[in-house]
Amino acid sequence: MKREWKVGELAKLAGLTVRTLRYYDQIGLFSPSGHTDSGHRIYTESDIAQLQQILSLKELGLSLDQVKSVIERKASWESHLDRIGDFLDEYPDDDSQRRTK
């Protein structure tokens, strides 16, 4: 079963306020994976991992804008790597091409 946390539970777990988590969502820094039918924010383990990264970067002295930039660049880099992997998967291995010639 997948573990999920509501905003108050996550705030307590992370040592933050609910207001801080809502602010992070408002500025596009950290958003929940989903919402309940009644609109409550729902966070998953992957959200907690991302929040840990954010808090670690803040602890290093980065501003929220700098943290957001790092997170966005990481997502962009991972996207590029995925596309490169897909591109390479479309082509046969060079060794197998050499053997057939």
Protein backbone atom coordinates (compact mmCIF):
# COMPACT_ATOMS: atom_id res chain seq x y z
CA MET A 1 0.00 0.00 0.00
CA LYS A 2 1.31 3.43 -0.95
CA ARG A 3 1.84 5.73 2.03
CA GLU A 4 0.37 9.22 1.77
CA TRP A 5 0.47 12.23 4.06
CA LYS A 6 -1.83 15.24 4.38
CA VAL A 7 -0.30 18.69 4.58
CA GLY A 8 -0.50 18.87 8.39
CA GLU A 9 1.13 15.48 8.77
CA LEU A 10 3.96 16.39 6.40
CA ALA A 11 4.47 19.74 8.10
CA LYS A 12 4.87 18.02 11.46
CA LEU A 13 7.17 15.37 9.98
CA ALA A 14 9.39 17.98 8.29
CA GLY A 15 9.38 20.48 11.14
CA LEU A 16 7.70 23.12 9.00
CA THR A 17 4.41 24.95 9.22
CA VAL A 18 1.42 24.21 7.03
CA ARG A 19 1.66 27.82 5.89
CA THR A 20 5.23 27.23 4.65
CA LEU A 21 4.21 24.17 2.62
CA ARG A 22 1.30 26.10 1.11
CA TYR A 23 3.67 28.96 0.25
CA TYR A 24 6.09 26.56 -1.44
CA ASP A 25 3.15 25.28 -3.49
CA GLN A 26 2.01 28.82 -4.30
CA ILE A 27 5.44 29.83 -5.67
CA GLY A 28 5.79 26.58 -7.62
CA LEU A 29 8.68 25.22 -5.56
CA PHE A 30 7.01 22.18 -4.04
CA SER A 31 3.60 20.85 -4.99
CA PRO A 32 1.69 17.83 -3.73
CA SER A 33 1.31 14.73 -5.87
CA GLY A 34 -2.43 14.99 -5.61
CA HIS A 35 -5.51 16.13 -3.77
CA THR A 36 -8.33 14.36 -1.99
CA ASP A 37 -11.88 14.66 -3.28
CA SER A 38 -12.38 17.44 -0.77
CA GLY A 39 -9.30 19.32 -2.05
CA HIS A 40 -6.79 18.49 0.69
CA ARG A 41 -3.18 18.19 -0.45
CA ILE A 42 -1.77 14.65 -0.55
CA TYR A 43 1.98 13.99 -0.45
CA THR A 44 3.83 10.77 -1.28
CA GLU A 45 7.27 9.38 -0.48
CA SER A 46 8.69 10.95 -3.65
CA ASP A 47 7.35 14.32 -2.48
CA ILE A 48 9.13 13.85 0.83
CA ALA A 49 12.39 13.11 -1.00
CA GLN A 50 12.00 16.32 -3.00
CA LEU A 51 11.22 18.30 0.16
CA GLN A 52 14.37 16.89 1.77
CA GLN A 53 16.38 18.18 -1.21
CA ILE A 54 14.79 21.60 -0.87
CA LEU A 55 15.50 21.78 2.86
CA SER A 56 19.10 20.62 2.33
CA LEU A 57 19.69 23.32 -0.28
CA LYS A 58 18.16 25.94 2.03
CA GLU A 59 20.42 24.73 4.83
CA LEU A 60 23.40 25.36 2.53
CA GLY A 61 22.30 28.99 2.36
CA LEU A 62 20.50 29.09 -0.98
CA SER A 63 17.52 31.41 -1.36
CA LEU A 64 14.16 29.99 -2.40
CA ASP A 65 14.69 31.37 -5.92
CA GLN A 66 18.06 29.63 -6.10
CA VAL A 67 16.59 26.39 -4.76
CA LYS A 68 13.83 26.55 -7.37
CA SER A 69 16.40 27.11 -10.11
CA VAL A 70 18.44 24.08 -8.97
CA ILE A 71 15.33 21.88 -8.83
CA GLU A 72 14.18 23.02 -12.29
CA ARG A 73 17.64 22.44 -13.79
CA LYS A 74 17.76 18.98 -12.26
CA ALA A 75 14.36 18.13 -13.78
CA SER A 76 15.47 19.54 -17.13
CA TRP A 77 18.73 17.56 -17.02
CA GLU A 78 16.89 14.34 -16.15
CA SER A 79 14.50 14.98 -19.04
CA HIS A 80 17.43 15.45 -21.42
CA LEU A 81 19.03 12.23 -20.20
CA ASP A 82 15.76 10.35 -20.73
CA ARG A 83 15.53 11.66 -24.30
CA ILE A 84 19.14 10.74 -25.02
CA GLY A 85 18.47 7.25 -23.65
CA ASP A 86 15.39 6.91 -25.86
CA PHE A 87 17.40 8.11 -28.86
CA LEU A 88 20.18 5.60 -28.21
CA ASP A 89 17.69 2.77 -27.72
CA GLU A 90 16.48 3.30 -31.30
CA TYR A 91 19.85 2.44 -32.80
CA PRO A 92 21.64 -0.92 -32.79
CA ASP A 93 24.87 -1.34 -30.92
CA ASP A 94 27.91 -0.33 -33.02
CA ASP A 95 29.56 -3.70 -32.35
CA SER A 96 26.62 -5.60 -33.83
CA GLN A 97 26.69 -3.37 -36.93
CA ARG A 98 30.40 -4.00 -37.44
CA ARG A 99 29.95 -7.76 -37.25
CA THR A 100 27.34 -7.77 -40.03
CA LYS A 101 29.50 -5.84 -42.49
